[in-house]
Amino acid sequence: MASIVYEEFERLLGEFVVESVHLETRDTYRTAAELPHLAQWTAGELDDLAWLQGWCDTVRDHVAAGRSVRRARIVSEPLSEYQRWSHSIAGPMVEAGEDIRWVPRRLMSSVAIPGNDFYLLDNRLVIFLHYAGSGVATDQVTSRDPHDIQLCRTAFEAVWRLSIPHRDYRPS
C-alpha cells in the first residue's frame, strides 16, 4: 500500500474508465471544504450549494461518458448532525447522476466490511481513506492487491443490496 497526496487522489477519481464505488462508514466527517457549509446549515442559514458544482460537473461528465458513480453511506439512526446535513445536500449530486444510497447501521450486523472507508475504481484500484477520531482526514492509501480489491468489491455489493436510494430514504 502506498500513501498518496490529495492531488493524486483527486486525479485518480477523475480517471476511472467504467465504475467508481465509494463506501462511507462514519457518522461524522470534518473535511476542510465542508466545515463552513455545515456550520452555515447548523446556524439555519441558506447555502446555494455552489461549492458542490465542481463535483457535480465531474459526475455529469462521468455519466455522460457512460461511467457509473455509486456511493453507499452506512449511518447510525437517528442520524448525526453531519449525516442530517449530508442528506440535505445530496440532491444536486443525485441529479448529476451519482447513485447515493443509505444503509441504516442496524442492518449491517452480518456484513463484513473493511476497517476504512474506500473508493474502488474499475475493480483495479482501491483507495482507503484514513480518518482521525474527530473525522479529520489523515491519509489516502492505494492498493492493487487482489485480496483488497475482492474484499472491497464483495463488501460494497453486500452493503448495496441493503441500501435505500436517496430519493426513498427518510431519516428517522
Protein backbone atom coordinates (compact mmCIF):
# COMPACT_ATOMS: atom_id res chain seq x y z
CA MET A 1 0.00 0.00 0.00
CA ALA A 2 1.18 3.49 -0.77
CA SER A 3 0.15 6.86 0.63
CA ILE A 4 -0.85 9.44 -1.95
CA VAL A 5 -1.22 13.20 -1.73
CA TYR A 6 -4.67 14.74 -2.09
CA GLU A 7 -3.95 15.99 -5.64
CA GLU A 8 -3.18 12.43 -6.75
CA PHE A 9 -6.38 11.23 -5.07
CA GLU A 10 -8.41 13.83 -6.99
CA ARG A 11 -6.68 12.86 -10.25
CA LEU A 12 -7.49 9.18 -9.76
CA LEU A 13 -11.16 9.99 -9.10
CA GLY A 14 -11.27 11.66 -12.50
CA GLU A 15 -9.58 8.87 -14.44
CA PHE A 16 -11.58 5.69 -13.89
CA VAL A 17 -12.95 4.10 -17.05
CA VAL A 18 -16.04 2.09 -16.05
CA GLU A 19 -17.06 2.47 -12.42
CA SER A 20 -16.29 4.20 -9.14
CA VAL A 21 -17.83 2.86 -5.95
CA HIS A 22 -17.43 4.61 -2.62
CA LEU A 23 -18.26 3.20 0.80
CA GLU A 24 -18.68 5.62 3.72
CA THR A 25 -18.94 4.19 7.22
CA ARG A 26 -18.51 7.13 9.62
CA ASP A 27 -21.21 9.21 11.24
CA THR A 28 -19.07 12.35 11.19
CA TYR A 29 -16.51 13.81 8.80
CA ARG A 30 -14.69 17.09 9.24
CA THR A 31 -13.29 17.97 5.84
CA ALA A 32 -11.99 21.49 5.44
CA ALA A 33 -14.15 22.08 2.35
CA GLU A 34 -17.33 21.08 4.15
CA LEU A 35 -16.90 22.67 7.59
CA PRO A 36 -18.02 26.21 6.70
CA HIS A 37 -21.10 24.89 4.91
CA LEU A 38 -22.02 22.55 7.75
CA ALA A 39 -21.69 25.50 10.17
CA GLN A 40 -23.90 27.62 7.92
CA TRP A 41 -26.55 24.86 7.83
CA THR A 42 -26.33 24.38 11.61
CA ALA A 43 -26.95 28.11 12.05
CA GLY A 44 -30.06 27.83 9.86
CA GLU A 45 -28.55 29.90 7.06
CA LEU A 46 -29.25 29.18 3.39
CA ASP A 47 -26.50 27.70 1.22
CA ASP A 48 -26.73 27.91 -2.55
CA LEU A 49 -24.50 24.80 -2.77
CA ALA A 50 -22.35 26.46 -5.43
CA TRP A 51 -19.33 24.83 -3.78
CA LEU A 52 -20.68 21.41 -4.85
CA GLN A 53 -20.81 22.29 -8.53
CA GLY A 54 -17.27 21.10 -9.29
CA TRP A 55 -18.09 17.60 -8.04
CA CYS A 56 -21.49 17.66 -9.77
CA ASP A 57 -19.81 18.64 -13.06
CA THR A 58 -17.33 15.78 -12.64
CA VAL A 59 -20.17 13.33 -12.02
CA ARG A 60 -22.10 14.62 -15.05
CA ASP A 61 -19.00 14.14 -17.21
CA HIS A 62 -18.56 10.57 -15.95
CA VAL A 63 -22.20 9.69 -16.52
CA ALA A 64 -22.24 11.30 -19.99
CA ALA A 65 -19.24 9.11 -20.88
CA GLY A 66 -21.12 6.01 -19.70
CA ARG A 67 -19.29 5.60 -16.40
CA SER A 68 -21.06 4.64 -13.18
CA VAL A 69 -20.64 6.55 -9.89
CA ARG A 70 -22.12 4.84 -6.81
CA ARG A 71 -21.87 5.78 -3.12
CA ALA A 72 -23.22 3.85 -0.13
CA ARG A 73 -23.42 5.52 3.28
CA ILE A 74 -23.71 3.35 6.38
CA VAL A 75 -25.36 5.52 9.02
CA SER A 76 -26.46 5.30 12.63
CA GLU A 77 -30.03 6.31 13.35
CA PRO A 78 -31.12 8.78 14.37
CA LEU A 79 -28.66 10.47 12.06
CA SER A 80 -25.78 12.52 13.40
CA GLU A 81 -25.86 16.24 12.71
CA TYR A 82 -23.28 15.71 9.96
CA GLN A 83 -25.36 13.00 8.27
CA ARG A 84 -28.56 15.07 8.52
CA TRP A 85 -26.70 17.86 6.74
CA SER A 86 -25.21 15.41 4.23
CA HIS A 87 -28.70 14.06 3.45
CA SER A 88 -29.98 17.61 2.98
CA ILE A 89 -27.36 18.46 0.34
CA ALA A 90 -27.27 15.17 -1.62
CA GLY A 91 -29.93 16.21 -4.14
CA PRO A 92 -27.65 18.04 -6.60
CA MET A 93 -25.19 15.11 -6.64
CA VAL A 94 -28.00 12.63 -7.29
CA GLU A 95 -29.43 14.89 -10.00
CA ALA A 96 -25.95 14.98 -11.60
CA GLY A 97 -26.01 11.17 -11.79
CA GLU A 98 -24.32 9.91 -8.63
CA ASP A 99 -26.30 6.99 -7.23
CA ILE A 100 -26.21 7.73 -3.48
CA ARG A 101 -27.76 5.22 -1.13
CA TRP A 102 -28.20 4.94 2.62
CA VAL A 103 -27.92 1.89 4.86
CA PRO A 104 -29.05 2.00 8.48
CA ARG A 105 -26.21 0.60 10.58
CA ARG A 106 -28.64 -1.74 12.36
CA LEU A 107 -28.85 -3.75 9.08
CA MET A 108 -25.07 -4.25 8.94
CA SER A 109 -24.51 -6.72 11.79
CA SER A 110 -23.91 -9.69 9.48
CA VAL A 111 -21.95 -7.86 6.77
CA ALA A 112 -18.15 -7.94 6.79
CA ILE A 113 -16.62 -4.65 5.65
CA PRO A 114 -13.07 -3.26 5.56
CA GLY A 115 -11.95 -1.18 8.53
CA ASN A 116 -11.74 2.01 6.48
CA ASP A 117 -13.87 3.92 4.01
CA PHE A 118 -12.77 3.36 0.43
CA TYR A 119 -13.15 4.05 -3.25
CA LEU A 120 -12.87 1.11 -5.64
CA LEU A 121 -12.06 2.23 -9.17
CA ASP A 122 -12.70 -0.13 -12.08
CA ASN A 123 -12.16 -3.15 -9.83
CA ARG A 124 -8.44 -2.46 -10.21
CA LEU A 125 -7.53 0.11 -7.58
CA VAL A 126 -8.66 0.64 -4.00
CA ILE A 127 -8.13 3.94 -2.24
CA PHE A 128 -8.55 3.51 1.51
CA LEU A 129 -9.41 6.71 3.37
CA HIS A 130 -7.99 7.13 6.86
CA TYR A 131 -9.53 9.47 9.44
CA ALA A 132 -8.74 10.64 12.95
CA GLY A 133 -11.35 10.04 15.64
CA SER A 134 -12.54 13.63 15.13
CA GLY A 135 -13.39 12.91 11.48
CA VAL A 136 -10.43 14.81 10.00
CA ALA A 137 -8.89 13.02 7.01
CA THR A 138 -5.35 11.87 7.75
CA ASP A 139 -4.29 9.82 4.70
CA GLN A 140 -5.28 8.22 1.41
CA VAL A 141 -3.66 4.83 0.75
CA THR A 142 -3.83 2.91 -2.52
CA SER A 143 -3.78 -0.82 -3.10
CA ARG A 144 -3.85 -3.01 -6.19
CA ASP A 145 -3.64 -6.18 -4.10
CA PRO A 146 -6.21 -8.67 -5.49
CA HIS A 147 -7.28 -9.58 -1.94
CA ASP A 148 -8.04 -5.94 -1.10
CA ILE A 149 -9.91 -5.47 -4.36
CA GLN A 150 -12.02 -8.60 -3.79
CA LEU A 151 -12.70 -7.64 -0.17
CA CYS A 152 -13.88 -4.17 -1.17
CA ARG A 153 -15.94 -5.41 -4.13
CA THR A 154 -17.67 -8.07 -2.01
CA ALA A 155 -18.28 -5.68 0.88
CA PHE A 156 -19.62 -2.92 -1.33
CA GLU A 157 -22.05 -5.22 -3.14
CA ALA A 158 -23.28 -6.69 0.17
CA VAL A 159 -23.90 -3.18 1.50
CA TRP A 160 -25.52 -2.11 -1.79
CA ARG A 161 -28.05 -4.96 -1.56
CA LEU A 162 -29.25 -3.48 1.76
CA SER A 163 -29.16 0.13 0.63
CA ILE A 164 -32.03 2.56 0.20
CA PRO A 165 -31.88 5.02 -2.73
CA HIS A 166 -31.53 8.64 -1.65
CA ARG A 167 -34.98 9.54 -3.04
CA ASP A 168 -36.59 6.86 -0.82
CA TYR A 169 -34.56 7.22 2.37
CA ARG A 170 -36.42 9.02 5.15
CA PRO A 171 -34.12 9.54 8.12
CA SER A 172 -35.76 8.96 11.47
